[in-house]
Amino acid sequence: MSIGVLNLKEIVTAFMVLFAIIDITGSVPVILELKERNGKVEAGKAALISFAMLVVFLFMGEAVLRFFNVDIPSFAIAGAIVLIAVAIEMTFNVTLFKSDASQESGTIVPLVFPLIAGAGSLTTCLSLRAEC
């Protein structure tokens, strides 16, 4: 069964790969901790921004990375460093990045990026585009 140019099997495969990479069920403790610390997390806003980031990166990701002269492995390593910093902050209850601005919500950072639309999912979008 095909939908236009795309094959249904390719769509299901892409969904399953992204579902495994994003691992939203594994991020539940982080989301709960953000909600406890900041008071609210806007799930709808996070979903829409994440979807927009993934779609934009699907079509324009290679051009953006080329513009900044960054290759895909370097991008993946940078995303891993951001995730390690977030994990250290949450595990040891320390603040690595101090912010003077009052933060009412943790929706964009760290929920949208790097947890949902992080380096892993953005790199996966590039790989899926190249494959399909």
N, C-alpha and C. Protein backbone atom coordinates (compact mmCIF):
# COMPACT_ATOMS: atom_id res chain seq x y z
N MET A 1 0.85 -1.18 0.00
CA MET A 1 0.00 0.00 0.00
C MET A 1 0.89 1.24 0.00
N SER A 2 0.61 2.17 -0.85
CA SER A 2 1.43 3.38 -0.89
C SER A 2 0.54 4.61 -0.83
N ILE A 3 1.09 5.63 -0.25
CA ILE A 3 0.40 6.92 -0.14
C ILE A 3 1.22 7.90 -0.97
N GLY A 4 0.73 8.20 -2.18
CA GLY A 4 1.50 9.08 -3.06
C GLY A 4 2.82 8.43 -3.41
N VAL A 5 3.91 9.06 -3.08
CA VAL A 5 5.24 8.55 -3.37
C VAL A 5 5.75 7.69 -2.22
N LEU A 6 5.24 7.92 -1.02
CA LEU A 6 5.72 7.21 0.16
C LEU A 6 5.05 5.85 0.31
N ASN A 7 5.79 4.90 0.77
CA ASN A 7 5.30 3.57 1.05
C ASN A 7 4.86 3.52 2.51
N LEU A 8 3.78 2.84 2.80
CA LEU A 8 3.28 2.74 4.17
C LEU A 8 4.31 2.06 5.08
N LYS A 9 5.02 1.08 4.55
CA LYS A 9 6.06 0.41 5.33
C LYS A 9 7.17 1.38 5.74
N GLU A 10 7.55 2.30 4.84
CA GLU A 10 8.58 3.30 5.15
C GLU A 10 8.09 4.27 6.22
N ILE A 11 6.82 4.63 6.17
CA ILE A 11 6.26 5.55 7.17
C ILE A 11 6.27 4.89 8.55
N VAL A 12 5.83 3.64 8.61
CA VAL A 12 5.81 2.93 9.90
C VAL A 12 7.23 2.74 10.42
N THR A 13 8.16 2.41 9.53
CA THR A 13 9.56 2.24 9.94
C THR A 13 10.13 3.55 10.49
N ALA A 14 9.88 4.64 9.80
CA ALA A 14 10.36 5.94 10.26
C ALA A 14 9.75 6.30 11.61
N PHE A 15 8.46 6.02 11.80
CA PHE A 15 7.79 6.30 13.07
C PHE A 15 8.42 5.50 14.20
N MET A 16 8.66 4.21 13.96
CA MET A 16 9.22 3.36 15.01
C MET A 16 10.64 3.78 15.37
N VAL A 17 11.44 4.14 14.36
CA VAL A 17 12.81 4.59 14.64
C VAL A 17 12.79 5.87 15.46
N LEU A 18 11.97 6.84 15.04
CA LEU A 18 11.90 8.10 15.80
C LEU A 18 11.32 7.90 17.19
N PHE A 19 10.35 7.00 17.33
CA PHE A 19 9.78 6.71 18.64
C PHE A 19 10.86 6.16 19.58
N ALA A 20 11.72 5.28 19.04
CA ALA A 20 12.79 4.71 19.86
C ALA A 20 13.86 5.74 20.19
N ILE A 21 14.19 6.62 19.23
CA ILE A 21 15.23 7.63 19.45
C ILE A 21 14.77 8.69 20.45
N ILE A 22 13.54 9.17 20.28
CA ILE A 22 13.03 10.22 21.16
C ILE A 22 12.82 9.68 22.57
N ASP A 23 12.30 8.47 22.71
CA ASP A 23 12.10 7.80 24.00
C ASP A 23 11.41 8.70 25.02
N ILE A 24 10.21 9.14 24.67
CA ILE A 24 9.48 10.04 25.55
C ILE A 24 9.09 9.36 26.86
N THR A 25 8.88 8.05 26.84
CA THR A 25 8.56 7.36 28.09
C THR A 25 9.75 7.36 29.04
N GLY A 26 10.97 7.32 28.50
CA GLY A 26 12.16 7.39 29.34
C GLY A 26 12.42 8.78 29.88
N SER A 27 11.78 9.78 29.25
CA SER A 27 11.95 11.16 29.68
C SER A 27 10.93 11.60 30.72
N VAL A 28 10.04 10.72 31.12
CA VAL A 28 9.00 11.07 32.10
C VAL A 28 9.59 11.60 33.40
N PRO A 29 10.65 10.98 33.97
CA PRO A 29 11.21 11.55 35.21
C PRO A 29 11.74 12.98 35.01
N VAL A 30 12.34 13.25 33.86
CA VAL A 30 12.84 14.59 33.59
C VAL A 30 11.69 15.58 33.49
N ILE A 31 10.63 15.17 32.82
CA ILE A 31 9.45 16.04 32.66
C ILE A 31 8.81 16.32 34.01
N LEU A 32 8.69 15.29 34.84
CA LEU A 32 8.11 15.49 36.18
C LEU A 32 8.97 16.42 37.03
N GLU A 33 10.30 16.28 36.91
CA GLU A 33 11.20 17.15 37.67
C GLU A 33 11.10 18.59 37.18
N LEU A 34 10.96 18.78 35.85
CA LEU A 34 10.76 20.13 35.30
C LEU A 34 9.46 20.74 35.81
N LYS A 35 8.42 19.92 35.85
CA LYS A 35 7.13 20.41 36.33
C LYS A 35 7.21 20.79 37.80
N GLU A 36 7.94 20.01 38.58
CA GLU A 36 8.10 20.31 40.00
C GLU A 36 8.91 21.59 40.21
N ARG A 37 9.96 21.76 39.41
CA ARG A 37 10.85 22.91 39.57
C ARG A 37 10.22 24.20 39.03
N ASN A 38 9.58 24.15 37.88
CA ASN A 38 9.10 25.36 37.22
C ASN A 38 7.60 25.60 37.39
N GLY A 39 6.87 24.63 37.87
CA GLY A 39 5.44 24.83 38.09
C GLY A 39 4.56 24.39 36.94
N LYS A 40 5.03 24.54 35.70
CA LYS A 40 4.20 24.09 34.59
C LYS A 40 5.08 23.72 33.40
N VAL A 41 4.57 22.78 32.63
CA VAL A 41 5.17 22.38 31.37
C VAL A 41 4.04 22.34 30.36
N GLU A 42 4.17 23.10 29.30
CA GLU A 42 3.11 23.19 28.30
C GLU A 42 3.32 22.10 27.25
N ALA A 43 2.57 21.00 27.41
CA ALA A 43 2.76 19.83 26.55
C ALA A 43 2.38 20.11 25.10
N GLY A 44 1.27 20.79 24.87
CA GLY A 44 0.85 21.09 23.51
C GLY A 44 1.85 21.96 22.77
N LYS A 45 2.34 22.98 23.45
CA LYS A 45 3.34 23.87 22.87
C LYS A 45 4.62 23.11 22.56
N ALA A 46 5.04 22.24 23.48
CA ALA A 46 6.25 21.45 23.27
C ALA A 46 6.09 20.52 22.07
N ALA A 47 4.91 19.90 21.94
CA ALA A 47 4.67 19.00 20.81
C ALA A 47 4.70 19.74 19.48
N LEU A 48 4.07 20.90 19.42
CA LEU A 48 4.04 21.66 18.17
C LEU A 48 5.42 22.18 17.79
N ILE A 49 6.17 22.69 18.75
CA ILE A 49 7.51 23.21 18.45
C ILE A 49 8.43 22.06 18.05
N SER A 50 8.33 20.92 18.72
CA SER A 50 9.16 19.76 18.37
C SER A 50 8.84 19.29 16.96
N PHE A 51 7.55 19.21 16.64
CA PHE A 51 7.14 18.78 15.29
C PHE A 51 7.66 19.75 14.24
N ALA A 52 7.56 21.03 14.51
CA ALA A 52 8.04 22.03 13.55
C ALA A 52 9.55 21.91 13.37
N MET A 53 10.28 21.75 14.47
CA MET A 53 11.74 21.60 14.37
C MET A 53 12.12 20.37 13.56
N LEU A 54 11.45 19.26 13.79
CA LEU A 54 11.77 18.03 13.07
C LEU A 54 11.45 18.16 11.58
N VAL A 55 10.33 18.77 11.25
CA VAL A 55 9.97 18.93 9.83
C VAL A 55 10.92 19.89 9.13
N VAL A 56 11.24 21.01 9.77
CA VAL A 56 12.17 21.97 9.17
C VAL A 56 13.54 21.31 8.98
N PHE A 57 14.00 20.58 9.99
CA PHE A 57 15.30 19.94 9.87
C PHE A 57 15.28 18.81 8.85
N LEU A 58 14.14 18.17 8.66
CA LEU A 58 14.02 17.12 7.65
C LEU A 58 14.32 17.67 6.26
N PHE A 59 13.78 18.86 5.97
CA PHE A 59 13.93 19.42 4.64
C PHE A 59 15.14 20.35 4.50
N MET A 60 15.53 21.02 5.57
CA MET A 60 16.59 22.02 5.46
C MET A 60 17.80 21.72 6.34
N GLY A 61 17.84 20.56 6.99
CA GLY A 61 18.89 20.24 7.95
C GLY A 61 20.29 20.23 7.38
N GLU A 62 20.46 19.58 6.23
CA GLU A 62 21.79 19.52 5.64
C GLU A 62 22.29 20.92 5.28
N ALA A 63 21.40 21.75 4.74
CA ALA A 63 21.80 23.11 4.37
C ALA A 63 22.18 23.93 5.60
N VAL A 64 21.44 23.77 6.68
CA VAL A 64 21.75 24.51 7.91
C VAL A 64 23.11 24.08 8.46
N LEU A 65 23.34 22.78 8.50
CA LEU A 65 24.62 22.29 9.01
C LEU A 65 25.78 22.73 8.11
N ARG A 66 25.57 22.70 6.79
CA ARG A 66 26.61 23.17 5.87
C ARG A 66 26.87 24.65 6.05
N PHE A 67 25.82 25.43 6.29
CA PHE A 67 25.97 26.88 6.50
C PHE A 67 26.89 27.16 7.69
N PHE A 68 26.73 26.39 8.74
CA PHE A 68 27.56 26.57 9.93
C PHE A 68 28.84 25.73 9.88
N ASN A 69 29.06 25.04 8.76
CA ASN A 69 30.25 24.22 8.55
C ASN A 69 30.39 23.14 9.63
N VAL A 70 29.29 22.44 9.89
CA VAL A 70 29.25 21.38 10.89
C VAL A 70 28.88 20.08 10.20
N ASP A 71 29.62 19.02 10.47
CA ASP A 71 29.25 17.73 9.92
C ASP A 71 28.35 16.99 10.91
N ILE A 72 27.71 15.93 10.44
CA ILE A 72 26.71 15.23 11.26
C ILE A 72 27.32 14.60 12.51
N PRO A 73 28.49 13.92 12.43
CA PRO A 73 29.06 13.38 13.68
C PRO A 73 29.37 14.46 14.73
N SER A 74 29.84 15.61 14.30
CA SER A 74 30.11 16.70 15.25
C SER A 74 28.82 17.19 15.89
N PHE A 75 27.75 17.27 15.10
CA PHE A 75 26.46 17.68 15.61
C PHE A 75 25.95 16.69 16.66
N ALA A 76 26.13 15.40 16.38
CA ALA A 76 25.69 14.37 17.33
C ALA A 76 26.49 14.44 18.63
N ILE A 77 27.79 14.69 18.53
CA ILE A 77 28.62 14.81 19.74
C ILE A 77 28.21 16.03 20.56
N ALA A 78 27.93 17.14 19.89
CA ALA A 78 27.49 18.34 20.61
C ALA A 78 26.17 18.09 21.34
N GLY A 79 25.25 17.40 20.71
CA GLY A 79 23.99 17.06 21.36
C GLY A 79 24.19 16.15 22.56
N ALA A 80 25.14 15.23 22.45
CA ALA A 80 25.43 14.34 23.58
C ALA A 80 26.00 15.13 24.75
N ILE A 81 26.82 16.13 24.47
CA ILE A 81 27.39 16.95 25.54
C ILE A 81 26.28 17.73 26.26
N VAL A 82 25.32 18.25 25.50
CA VAL A 82 24.20 18.96 26.11
C VAL A 82 23.39 18.01 27.00
N LEU A 83 23.14 16.80 26.52
CA LEU A 83 22.41 15.82 27.33
C LEU A 83 23.17 15.44 28.59
N ILE A 84 24.49 15.32 28.49
CA ILE A 84 25.29 15.01 29.68
C ILE A 84 25.19 16.15 30.70
N ALA A 85 25.23 17.38 30.21
CA ALA A 85 25.13 18.53 31.13
C ALA A 85 23.79 18.53 31.84
N VAL A 86 22.70 18.26 31.11
CA VAL A 86 21.37 18.20 31.73
C VAL A 86 21.32 17.06 32.74
N ALA A 87 21.89 15.91 32.39
CA ALA A 87 21.88 14.76 33.31
C ALA A 87 22.68 15.05 34.57
N ILE A 88 23.82 15.72 34.44
CA ILE A 88 24.63 16.06 35.62
C ILE A 88 23.87 17.02 36.52
N GLU A 89 23.22 18.02 35.92
CA GLU A 89 22.44 18.97 36.73
C GLU A 89 21.35 18.25 37.50
N MET A 90 20.66 17.31 36.85
CA MET A 90 19.54 16.64 37.52
C MET A 90 20.01 15.58 38.51
N THR A 91 21.09 14.89 38.20
CA THR A 91 21.55 13.83 39.08
C THR A 91 22.18 14.36 40.36
N PHE A 92 23.04 15.35 40.22
CA PHE A 92 23.77 15.86 41.37
C PHE A 92 23.17 17.13 41.96
N ASN A 93 22.04 17.57 41.43
CA ASN A 93 21.33 18.75 41.92
C ASN A 93 22.25 19.97 41.97
N VAL A 94 22.98 20.18 40.89
CA VAL A 94 23.86 21.33 40.75
C VAL A 94 23.39 22.16 39.56
N THR A 95 23.84 23.39 39.49
CA THR A 95 23.50 24.25 38.37
C THR A 95 24.77 24.53 37.58
N LEU A 96 24.84 24.00 36.36
CA LEU A 96 26.00 24.23 35.50
C LEU A 96 25.86 25.52 34.71
N PHE A 97 24.64 25.79 34.27
CA PHE A 97 24.39 26.98 33.47
C PHE A 97 23.48 27.91 34.26
N LYS A 98 24.03 29.00 34.72
CA LYS A 98 23.25 29.95 35.51
C LYS A 98 22.50 30.87 34.59
N SER A 99 21.27 31.18 34.98
CA SER A 99 20.42 32.05 34.18
C SER A 99 19.87 33.15 35.08
N ASP A 100 20.07 34.39 34.65
CA ASP A 100 19.53 35.51 35.41
C ASP A 100 18.06 35.74 35.12
N ALA A 101 17.62 35.33 33.95
CA ALA A 101 16.22 35.52 33.57
C ALA A 101 15.34 34.55 34.35
N SER A 102 14.19 35.05 34.79
CA SER A 102 13.26 34.16 35.48
C SER A 102 12.59 33.27 34.45
N GLN A 103 12.58 31.99 34.75
CA GLN A 103 12.05 31.02 33.81
C GLN A 103 10.73 30.50 34.35
N GLU A 104 9.65 30.81 33.63
CA GLU A 104 8.33 30.38 34.08
C GLU A 104 8.02 28.96 33.63
N SER A 105 8.62 28.52 32.55
CA SER A 105 8.31 27.22 32.01
C SER A 105 9.56 26.58 31.44
N GLY A 106 9.65 25.27 31.53
CA GLY A 106 10.77 24.54 30.95
C GLY A 106 10.36 23.89 29.65
N THR A 107 9.48 24.54 28.89
CA THR A 107 8.94 23.91 27.69
C THR A 107 9.97 23.83 26.58
N ILE A 108 10.62 24.93 26.24
CA ILE A 108 11.52 24.92 25.09
C ILE A 108 12.83 24.21 25.46
N VAL A 109 13.51 24.70 26.47
CA VAL A 109 14.75 24.08 26.93
C VAL A 109 14.53 23.63 28.35
N PRO A 110 14.73 22.43 28.71
CA PRO A 110 15.30 21.30 28.00
C PRO A 110 14.29 20.33 27.42
N LEU A 111 12.99 20.64 27.45
CA LEU A 111 12.01 19.66 26.99
C LEU A 111 12.04 19.47 25.48
N VAL A 112 11.87 20.56 24.72
CA VAL A 112 11.88 20.42 23.27
C VAL A 112 13.28 20.07 22.78
N PHE A 113 14.24 20.89 23.16
CA PHE A 113 15.62 20.59 22.81
C PHE A 113 16.42 20.52 24.08
N PRO A 114 17.03 19.47 24.43
CA PRO A 114 17.47 18.32 23.66
C PRO A 114 16.65 17.05 23.85
N LEU A 115 15.61 17.03 24.70
CA LEU A 115 14.93 15.76 24.97
C LEU A 115 14.11 15.23 23.80
N ILE A 116 13.24 16.04 23.23
CA ILE A 116 12.38 15.55 22.15
C ILE A 116 13.05 15.74 20.79
N ALA A 117 13.35 16.96 20.44
CA ALA A 117 13.97 17.25 19.15
C ALA A 117 15.44 17.55 19.36
N GLY A 118 16.15 16.57 19.88
CA GLY A 118 17.57 16.74 20.15
C GLY A 118 18.43 16.29 18.98
N ALA A 119 19.70 16.21 19.24
CA ALA A 119 20.64 15.85 18.17
C ALA A 119 20.35 14.46 17.60
N GLY A 120 19.96 13.53 18.45
CA GLY A 120 19.67 12.18 17.97
C GLY A 120 18.51 12.13 17.02
N SER A 121 17.41 12.79 17.37
CA SER A 121 16.23 12.77 16.50
C SER A 121 16.45 13.60 15.24
N LEU A 122 17.18 14.72 15.34
CA LEU A 122 17.45 15.52 14.16
C LEU A 122 18.38 14.79 13.20
N THR A 123 19.39 14.11 13.72
CA THR A 123 20.29 13.33 12.88
C THR A 123 19.54 12.15 12.26
N THR A 124 18.63 11.55 13.02
CA THR A 124 17.82 10.47 12.48
C THR A 124 16.94 10.96 11.34
N CYS A 125 16.40 12.16 11.45
CA CYS A 125 15.61 12.73 10.36
C CYS A 125 16.44 12.85 9.09
N LEU A 126 17.68 13.32 9.24
CA LEU A 126 18.57 13.41 8.08
C LEU A 126 18.84 12.04 7.47
N SER A 127 19.07 11.05 8.33
CA SER A 127 19.34 9.70 7.84
C SER A 127 18.12 9.09 7.16
N LEU A 128 16.95 9.30 7.74
CA LEU A 128 15.73 8.76 7.14
C LEU A 128 15.45 9.44 5.79
N ARG A 129 15.73 10.71 5.68
CA ARG A 129 15.54 11.39 4.41
C ARG A 129 16.46 10.84 3.34
N ALA A 130 17.71 10.59 3.72
CA ALA A 130 18.67 10.04 2.78
C ALA A 130 18.28 8.62 2.35
N GLU A 131 17.70 7.87 3.28
CA GLU A 131 17.32 6.49 2.99
C GLU A 131 16.05 6.41 2.15
N CYS A 132 15.08 7.24 2.47
CA CYS A 132 13.79 7.18 1.78
C CYS A 132 13.80 8.12 0.61
